[in-house]
Amino acid sequence: MIVMERPVRFEHHRYLGDKRTQVVYDVDALPESEAHRIEELLEAETFLCFGPDTLAEAANRGYRLWKGQRVG
């Protein structure tokens, strides 16, 4: 599986959230075939990064991991 690179403006952030859907993407684990999701998110300017940059912080803010990245 080829994994996408982090977007230039977010090279220090692993998790990017979509404000419209309250979904968070793990950019480091997102396959290149799904890169269009991040590109569209950046184009629409409806993204959010988290501090600290953790899945726990994203969940604390009400975001859930994108279903394509959930295990189980």
Protein backbone atom coordinates (compact mmCIF):
# COMPACT_ATOMS: atom_id res chain seq x y z
CA MET A 1 0.00 0.00 0.00
CA ILE A 2 1.34 3.42 -0.97
CA VAL A 3 0.67 6.05 1.67
CA MET A 4 0.20 9.70 0.81
CA GLU A 5 2.59 12.40 1.96
CA ARG A 6 1.47 15.06 4.41
CA PRO A 7 0.23 18.28 2.80
CA VAL A 8 2.86 21.03 2.66
CA ARG A 9 1.06 23.37 5.05
CA PHE A 10 0.54 20.50 7.50
CA GLU A 11 3.83 18.65 7.40
CA HIS A 12 3.90 18.65 11.22
CA HIS A 13 0.33 17.37 11.65
CA ARG A 14 -0.72 13.75 11.38
CA TYR A 15 -4.46 14.22 11.96
CA LEU A 16 -6.67 16.53 9.90
CA GLY A 17 -10.35 16.96 10.68
CA ASP A 18 -13.26 17.88 8.43
CA LYS A 19 -15.44 20.49 10.15
CA ARG A 20 -18.43 19.61 7.96
CA THR A 21 -18.63 15.95 8.96
CA GLN A 22 -16.67 15.81 12.24
CA VAL A 23 -14.45 13.13 10.68
CA VAL A 24 -10.70 13.02 11.24
CA TYR A 25 -8.19 11.52 8.80
CA ASP A 26 -4.90 9.91 9.82
CA VAL A 27 -2.83 11.34 6.96
CA ASP A 28 0.12 9.01 7.70
CA ALA A 29 -2.09 5.95 7.19
CA LEU A 30 -4.24 7.24 4.32
CA PRO A 31 -3.61 5.35 1.06
CA GLU A 32 -2.57 7.43 -1.95
CA SER A 33 -5.79 6.27 -3.64
CA GLU A 34 -7.73 8.27 -1.02
CA ALA A 35 -5.58 11.43 -1.25
CA HIS A 36 -8.47 13.16 -3.01
CA ARG A 37 -10.22 13.36 0.37
CA ILE A 38 -7.48 15.56 1.84
CA GLU A 39 -7.11 17.59 -1.35
CA GLU A 40 -10.85 18.35 -1.36
CA LEU A 41 -10.75 19.20 2.33
CA LEU A 42 -7.93 21.70 1.83
CA GLU A 43 -9.61 23.19 -1.22
CA ALA A 44 -12.89 23.70 0.66
CA GLU A 45 -10.97 25.21 3.61
CA THR A 46 -13.05 23.24 6.10
CA PHE A 47 -10.14 21.54 7.85
CA LEU A 48 -8.94 21.56 11.41
CA CYS A 49 -5.73 20.34 12.96
CA PHE A 50 -5.39 19.39 16.60
CA GLY A 51 -3.04 20.35 19.37
CA PRO A 52 -1.76 18.04 20.62
CA ASP A 53 -1.77 16.19 17.31
CA THR A 54 -3.34 12.97 18.59
CA LEU A 55 -6.39 10.89 17.84
CA ALA A 56 -7.39 11.22 21.49
CA GLU A 57 -7.49 15.02 21.16
CA ALA A 58 -9.56 14.75 17.97
CA ALA A 59 -12.01 12.46 19.81
CA ASN A 60 -12.06 14.89 22.72
CA ARG A 61 -13.33 17.54 20.29
CA GLY A 62 -16.05 15.24 18.96
CA TYR A 63 -14.27 13.94 15.84
CA ARG A 64 -14.28 10.29 14.87
CA LEU A 65 -11.75 8.48 12.71
CA TRP A 66 -12.80 8.09 9.07
CA LYS A 67 -14.54 4.73 8.62
CA GLY A 68 -11.99 3.61 6.01
CA GLN A 69 -9.28 3.74 8.69
CA ARG A 70 -11.12 2.14 11.58
CA VAL A 71 -9.97 -1.31 12.67
CA GLY A 72 -12.50 -3.98 13.54
